[in-house]
Amino acid sequence: MGLLTRLTTLAKADAHGVVDALEDKALVLRQHVREAGAELDRKRCRVAALDAECKDLGKDRDRMQEQIGRWESDVDLALAEDQGELVRYTLKKLLPLRHAVPQLEHRIETLDEKRREIEHQLAEQQAEFELLEQRVRGYLARHGEDGSSVGFTDMVVTDEDVEIELLRRQAESRRQAEQGDV
């Protein structure tokens, strides 16, 4: 971490007490936790935005496919009635839609893949964030400070919390083993 980055972090932590903050590790730790939490929130918003965009594009694709069906029927009707000009007209309407649908589907697939990638990163970073919070709470407790001002939850860890974490880690381990077998 460069000197300017550290000074920026210190300034964010306490704009009125930069000089005092140079030696206040608790203040810096709290700021890092806040920034990490804000980054997780930004990623959650990005996932939601990608999901909404995929849904909107899916609706657009469905509408285009309905229009294609209508234009196909019109082409068939114009052909049946031997109306060459109307066949050309309907084909001019139909062909751009036929070309647009695969492009739209590719865009949806690309966005969905990006969303899944960010969700995977988010899950990993959420686990890391929880560990960071726990470590910072421990540090603050050892140094006689209250971690509640950072918005931490109660520091009590129940047996159920331990069991759930154990299950998560076992599932992750199984998943990694399965991926290794593939």
C-alpha atoms as a PDB file:
ATOM      1  CA  MET A   1       0.000   0.000   0.000  1.00  0.00           C
ATOM      2  CA  GLY A   2       1.550   3.307  -1.086  1.00  0.00           C
ATOM      3  CA  LEU A   3       1.968   6.339   1.109  1.00  0.00           C
ATOM      4  CA  LEU A   4      -0.665   8.365  -0.764  1.00  0.00           C
ATOM      5  CA  THR A   5      -3.183   5.536  -0.533  1.00  0.00           C
ATOM      6  CA  ARG A   6      -2.611   5.259   3.181  1.00  0.00           C
ATOM      7  CA  LEU A   7      -3.002   8.997   3.676  1.00  0.00           C
ATOM      8  CA  THR A   8      -6.202   8.992   1.609  1.00  0.00           C
ATOM      9  CA  THR A   9      -7.599   6.183   3.753  1.00  0.00           C
ATOM     10  CA  LEU A  10      -6.682   8.068   6.894  1.00  0.00           C
ATOM     11  CA  ALA A  11      -8.311  11.244   5.602  1.00  0.00           C
ATOM     12  CA  LYS A  12     -11.519   9.356   4.819  1.00  0.00           C
ATOM     13  CA  ALA A  13     -11.509   7.766   8.260  1.00  0.00           C
ATOM     14  CA  ASP A  14     -11.426  11.036  10.126  1.00  0.00           C
ATOM     15  CA  ALA A  15     -11.080  14.244   8.122  1.00  0.00           C
ATOM     16  CA  HIS A  16     -10.798  16.340  11.285  1.00  0.00           C
ATOM     17  CA  GLY A  17      -8.193  14.190  12.953  1.00  0.00           C
ATOM     18  CA  VAL A  18      -5.710  13.129  10.259  1.00  0.00           C
ATOM     19  CA  VAL A  19      -2.757  13.766  12.499  1.00  0.00           C
ATOM     20  CA  ASP A  20      -4.268  11.792  15.363  1.00  0.00           C
ATOM     21  CA  ALA A  21      -5.351   9.059  12.974  1.00  0.00           C
ATOM     22  CA  LEU A  22      -1.799   8.363  11.845  1.00  0.00           C
ATOM     23  CA  GLU A  23      -1.388   6.283  14.971  1.00  0.00           C
ATOM     24  CA  ASP A  24      -4.989   5.163  15.395  1.00  0.00           C
ATOM     25  CA  LYS A  25      -5.107   1.638  13.955  1.00  0.00           C
ATOM     26  CA  ALA A  26      -8.661   1.075  15.152  1.00  0.00           C
ATOM     27  CA  LEU A  27      -9.877   4.014  13.103  1.00  0.00           C
ATOM     28  CA  VAL A  28      -8.105   2.747   9.992  1.00  0.00           C
ATOM     29  CA  LEU A  29      -9.475  -0.766  10.535  1.00  0.00           C
ATOM     30  CA  ARG A  30     -13.011   0.569  10.844  1.00  0.00           C
ATOM     31  CA  GLN A  31     -12.596   2.529   7.613  1.00  0.00           C
ATOM     32  CA  HIS A  32     -11.326  -0.546   5.772  1.00  0.00           C
ATOM     33  CA  VAL A  33     -14.323  -2.552   6.989  1.00  0.00           C
ATOM     34  CA  ARG A  34     -16.696   0.188   5.840  1.00  0.00           C
ATOM     35  CA  GLU A  35     -15.023   0.319   2.422  1.00  0.00           C
ATOM     36  CA  ALA A  36     -15.121  -3.466   2.061  1.00  0.00           C
ATOM     37  CA  GLY A  37     -18.820  -3.479   2.953  1.00  0.00           C
ATOM     38  CA  ALA A  38     -19.489  -0.693   0.457  1.00  0.00           C
ATOM     39  CA  GLU A  39     -17.694  -2.668  -2.259  1.00  0.00           C
ATOM     40  CA  LEU A  40     -19.869  -5.709  -1.529  1.00  0.00           C
ATOM     41  CA  ASP A  41     -22.952  -3.496  -1.802  1.00  0.00           C
ATOM     42  CA  ARG A  42     -21.730  -2.154  -5.166  1.00  0.00           C
ATOM     43  CA  LYS A  43     -21.279  -5.707  -6.444  1.00  0.00           C
ATOM     44  CA  ARG A  44     -24.770  -6.661  -5.257  1.00  0.00           C
ATOM     45  CA  CYS A  45     -26.165  -3.666  -7.147  1.00  0.00           C
ATOM     46  CA  ARG A  46     -24.206  -4.670 -10.262  1.00  0.00           C
ATOM     47  CA  VAL A  47     -25.631  -8.204 -10.084  1.00  0.00           C
ATOM     48  CA  ALA A  48     -29.157  -6.809  -9.734  1.00  0.00           C
ATOM     49  CA  ALA A  49     -28.606  -4.440 -12.671  1.00  0.00           C
ATOM     50  CA  LEU A  50     -27.294  -7.251 -14.890  1.00  0.00           C
ATOM     51  CA  ASP A  51     -30.222  -9.446 -13.889  1.00  0.00           C
ATOM     52  CA  ALA A  52     -32.719  -6.697 -14.736  1.00  0.00           C
ATOM     53  CA  GLU A  53     -31.016  -6.035 -18.063  1.00  0.00           C
ATOM     54  CA  CYS A  54     -31.138  -9.750 -18.949  1.00  0.00           C
ATOM     55  CA  LYS A  55     -34.851  -9.846 -18.149  1.00  0.00           C
ATOM     56  CA  ASP A  56     -35.521  -6.750 -20.261  1.00  0.00           C
ATOM     57  CA  LEU A  57     -33.554  -8.161 -23.189  1.00  0.00           C
ATOM     58  CA  GLY A  58     -35.423 -11.459 -22.808  1.00  0.00           C
ATOM     59  CA  LYS A  59     -38.719  -9.598 -23.107  1.00  0.00           C
ATOM     60  CA  ASP A  60     -37.430  -7.782 -26.194  1.00  0.00           C
ATOM     61  CA  ARG A  61     -36.399 -11.126 -27.723  1.00  0.00           C
ATOM     62  CA  ASP A  62     -39.834 -12.615 -27.009  1.00  0.00           C
ATOM     63  CA  ARG A  63     -41.542  -9.619 -28.646  1.00  0.00           C
ATOM     64  CA  MET A  64     -39.297  -9.951 -31.701  1.00  0.00           C
ATOM     65  CA  GLN A  65     -40.096 -13.640 -31.989  1.00  0.00           C
ATOM     66  CA  GLU A  66     -43.814 -12.842 -31.881  1.00  0.00           C
ATOM     67  CA  GLN A  67     -43.311 -10.262 -34.621  1.00  0.00           C
ATOM     68  CA  ILE A  68     -41.357 -12.810 -36.665  1.00  0.00           C
ATOM     69  CA  GLY A  69     -44.284 -15.217 -36.365  1.00  0.00           C
ATOM     70  CA  ARG A  70     -46.707 -12.550 -37.580  1.00  0.00           C
ATOM     71  CA  TRP A  71     -44.486 -11.556 -40.512  1.00  0.00           C
ATOM     72  CA  GLU A  72     -43.989 -15.235 -41.428  1.00  0.00           C
ATOM     73  CA  SER A  73     -47.773 -15.640 -41.592  1.00  0.00           C
ATOM     74  CA  ASP A  74     -48.022 -12.522 -43.744  1.00  0.00           C
ATOM     75  CA  VAL A  75     -45.333 -13.837 -46.109  1.00  0.00           C
ATOM     76  CA  ASP A  76     -47.210 -17.136 -46.424  1.00  0.00           C
ATOM     77  CA  LEU A  77     -50.466 -15.305 -47.086  1.00  0.00           C
ATOM     78  CA  ALA A  78     -48.908 -13.012 -49.708  1.00  0.00           C
ATOM     79  CA  LEU A  79     -47.294 -16.030 -51.408  1.00  0.00           C
ATOM     80  CA  ALA A  80     -50.584 -17.918 -51.397  1.00  0.00           C
ATOM     81  CA  GLU A  81     -52.316 -14.945 -53.006  1.00  0.00           C
ATOM     82  CA  ASP A  82     -49.451 -14.497 -55.513  1.00  0.00           C
ATOM     83  CA  GLN A  83     -48.810 -10.925 -54.336  1.00  0.00           C
ATOM     84  CA  GLY A  84     -45.112 -10.429 -55.214  1.00  0.00           C
ATOM     85  CA  GLU A  85     -44.909  -6.841 -53.970  1.00  0.00           C
ATOM     86  CA  LEU A  86     -46.443  -7.769 -50.615  1.00  0.00           C
ATOM     87  CA  VAL A  87     -44.072 -10.739 -50.314  1.00  0.00           C
ATOM     88  CA  ARG A  88     -41.106  -8.388 -50.802  1.00  0.00           C
ATOM     89  CA  TYR A  89     -42.563  -5.889 -48.313  1.00  0.00           C
ATOM     90  CA  THR A  90     -43.069  -8.510 -45.598  1.00  0.00           C
ATOM     91  CA  LEU A  91     -39.630 -10.023 -46.223  1.00  0.00           C
ATOM     92  CA  LYS A  92     -38.081  -6.562 -45.752  1.00  0.00           C
ATOM     93  CA  LYS A  93     -39.786  -6.457 -42.337  1.00  0.00           C
ATOM     94  CA  LEU A  94     -38.998 -10.075 -41.464  1.00  0.00           C
ATOM     95  CA  LEU A  95     -35.296 -10.393 -42.332  1.00  0.00           C
ATOM     96  CA  PRO A  96     -33.918  -7.722 -39.951  1.00  0.00           C
ATOM     97  CA  LEU A  97     -35.805  -9.332 -37.081  1.00  0.00           C
ATOM     98  CA  ARG A  98     -34.386 -12.756 -37.940  1.00  0.00           C
ATOM     99  CA  HIS A  99     -30.878 -11.298 -37.800  1.00  0.00           C
ATOM    100  CA  ALA A 100     -31.498  -9.353 -34.592  1.00  0.00           C
ATOM    101  CA  VAL A 101     -32.746 -12.270 -32.486  1.00  0.00           C
ATOM    102  CA  PRO A 102     -29.459 -14.263 -32.442  1.00  0.00           C
ATOM    103  CA  GLN A 103     -27.520 -11.096 -31.634  1.00  0.00           C
ATOM    104  CA  LEU A 104     -29.908 -10.377 -28.776  1.00  0.00           C
ATOM    105  CA  GLU A 105     -29.592 -13.943 -27.499  1.00  0.00           C
ATOM    106  CA  HIS A 106     -25.795 -13.657 -27.591  1.00  0.00           C
ATOM    107  CA  ARG A 107     -25.987 -10.406 -25.594  1.00  0.00           C
ATOM    108  CA  ILE A 108     -28.247 -12.082 -23.013  1.00  0.00           C
ATOM    109  CA  GLU A 109     -25.835 -15.020 -22.676  1.00  0.00           C
ATOM    110  CA  THR A 110     -22.868 -12.665 -22.277  1.00  0.00           C
ATOM    111  CA  LEU A 111     -24.605 -10.615 -19.581  1.00  0.00           C
ATOM    112  CA  ASP A 112     -25.796 -13.734 -17.770  1.00  0.00           C
ATOM    113  CA  GLU A 113     -22.274 -15.152 -17.766  1.00  0.00           C
ATOM    114  CA  LYS A 114     -20.936 -11.861 -16.371  1.00  0.00           C
ATOM    115  CA  ARG A 115     -23.652 -11.885 -13.685  1.00  0.00           C
ATOM    116  CA  ARG A 116     -22.737 -15.438 -12.626  1.00  0.00           C
ATOM    117  CA  GLU A 117     -19.058 -14.467 -12.503  1.00  0.00           C
ATOM    118  CA  ILE A 118     -19.765 -11.486 -10.260  1.00  0.00           C
ATOM    119  CA  GLU A 119     -22.063 -13.597  -8.050  1.00  0.00           C
ATOM    120  CA  HIS A 120     -19.243 -16.110  -7.592  1.00  0.00           C
ATOM    121  CA  GLN A 121     -16.805 -13.323  -6.676  1.00  0.00           C
ATOM    122  CA  LEU A 122     -19.398 -11.840  -4.348  1.00  0.00           C
ATOM    123  CA  ALA A 123     -19.858 -15.131  -2.506  1.00  0.00           C
ATOM    124  CA  GLU A 124     -16.103 -15.480  -1.999  1.00  0.00           C
ATOM    125  CA  GLN A 125     -15.700 -11.876  -0.928  1.00  0.00           C
ATOM    126  CA  GLN A 126     -18.656 -12.095   1.451  1.00  0.00           C
ATOM    127  CA  ALA A 127     -16.944 -14.954   3.275  1.00  0.00           C
ATOM    128  CA  GLU A 128     -13.688 -12.982   3.376  1.00  0.00           C
ATOM    129  CA  PHE A 129     -15.560  -9.923   4.613  1.00  0.00           C
ATOM    130  CA  GLU A 130     -17.123 -11.884   7.459  1.00  0.00           C
ATOM    131  CA  LEU A 131     -13.672 -13.110   8.482  1.00  0.00           C
ATOM    132  CA  LEU A 132     -12.335  -9.560   8.277  1.00  0.00           C
ATOM    133  CA  GLU A 133     -15.156  -8.287  10.479  1.00  0.00           C
ATOM    134  CA  GLN A 134     -14.466 -11.012  12.991  1.00  0.00           C
ATOM    135  CA  ARG A 135     -10.737 -10.263  13.059  1.00  0.00           C
ATOM    136  CA  VAL A 136     -11.335  -6.533  13.467  1.00  0.00           C
ATOM    137  CA  ARG A 137     -13.819  -7.154  16.284  1.00  0.00           C
ATOM    138  CA  GLY A 138     -11.227  -9.350  17.957  1.00  0.00           C
ATOM    139  CA  TYR A 139      -8.561  -6.676  17.587  1.00  0.00           C
ATOM    140  CA  LEU A 140     -10.857  -3.989  18.953  1.00  0.00           C
ATOM    141  CA  ALA A 141     -11.877  -6.216  21.866  1.00  0.00           C
ATOM    142  CA  ARG A 142      -8.237  -6.967  22.720  1.00  0.00           C
ATOM    143  CA  HIS A 143      -7.447  -3.272  22.694  1.00  0.00           C
ATOM    144  CA  GLY A 144     -10.431  -2.306  24.817  1.00  0.00           C
ATOM    145  CA  GLU A 145     -12.490  -0.701  22.060  1.00  0.00           C
ATOM    146  CA  ASP A 146     -16.097  -1.307  21.142  1.00  0.00           C
ATOM    147  CA  GLY A 147     -16.580  -2.545  17.576  1.00  0.00           C
ATOM    148  CA  SER A 148     -20.266  -1.688  17.565  1.00  0.00           C
ATOM    149  CA  SER A 149     -19.647   1.799  16.166  1.00  0.00           C
ATOM    150  CA  VAL A 150     -18.693   0.206  12.844  1.00  0.00           C
ATOM    151  CA  GLY A 151     -22.079  -1.478  12.633  1.00  0.00           C
ATOM    152  CA  PHE A 152     -20.885  -4.938  13.603  1.00  0.00           C
ATOM    153  CA  THR A 153     -23.331  -7.476  14.795  1.00  0.00           C
ATOM    154  CA  ASP A 154     -23.101  -8.956  18.262  1.00  0.00           C
ATOM    155  CA  MET A 155     -19.774 -10.742  18.744  1.00  0.00           C
ATOM    156  CA  VAL A 156     -21.351 -13.866  20.234  1.00  0.00           C
ATOM    157  CA  VAL A 157     -20.812 -16.885  17.972  1.00  0.00           C
ATOM    158  CA  THR A 158     -23.325 -19.643  18.607  1.00  0.00           C
ATOM    159  CA  ASP A 159     -22.842 -23.361  18.066  1.00  0.00           C
ATOM    160  CA  GLU A 160     -25.322 -23.111  15.194  1.00  0.00           C
ATOM    161  CA  ASP A 161     -23.169 -20.446  13.514  1.00  0.00           C
ATOM    162  CA  VAL A 162     -20.191 -22.773  13.741  1.00  0.00           C
ATOM    163  CA  GLU A 163     -22.215 -25.685  12.334  1.00  0.00           C
ATOM    164  CA  ILE A 164     -23.462 -23.608   9.404  1.00  0.00           C
ATOM    165  CA  GLU A 165     -19.948 -22.412   8.615  1.00  0.00           C
ATOM    166  CA  LEU A 166     -18.710 -25.997   8.791  1.00  0.00           C
ATOM    167  CA  LEU A 167     -21.435 -27.091   6.343  1.00  0.00           C
ATOM    168  CA  ARG A 168     -20.534 -24.250   3.962  1.00  0.00           C
ATOM    169  CA  ARG A 169     -16.891 -25.203   3.984  1.00  0.00           C
ATOM    170  CA  GLN A 170     -17.645 -28.890   3.493  1.00  0.00           C
ATOM    171  CA  ALA A 171     -19.929 -28.072   0.550  1.00  0.00           C
ATOM    172  CA  GLU A 172     -17.236 -25.835  -0.944  1.00  0.00           C
ATOM    173  CA  SER A 173     -14.663 -28.565  -0.470  1.00  0.00           C
ATOM    174  CA  ARG A 174     -16.925 -31.117  -2.193  1.00  0.00           C
ATOM    175  CA  ARG A 175     -17.588 -28.707  -5.051  1.00  0.00           C
ATOM    176  CA  GLN A 176     -13.865 -28.089  -5.545  1.00  0.00           C
ATOM    177  CA  ALA A 177     -13.215 -31.832  -5.468  1.00  0.00           C
ATOM    178  CA  GLU A 178     -15.918 -32.389  -8.092  1.00  0.00           C
ATOM    179  CA  GLN A 179     -14.448 -29.663 -10.282  1.00  0.00           C
ATOM    180  CA  GLY A 180     -11.043 -31.282  -9.919  1.00  0.00           C
ATOM    181  CA  ASP A 181     -12.485 -34.618 -11.092  1.00  0.00           C
ATOM    182  CA  VAL A 182     -13.998 -33.070 -14.212  1.00  0.00           C
END
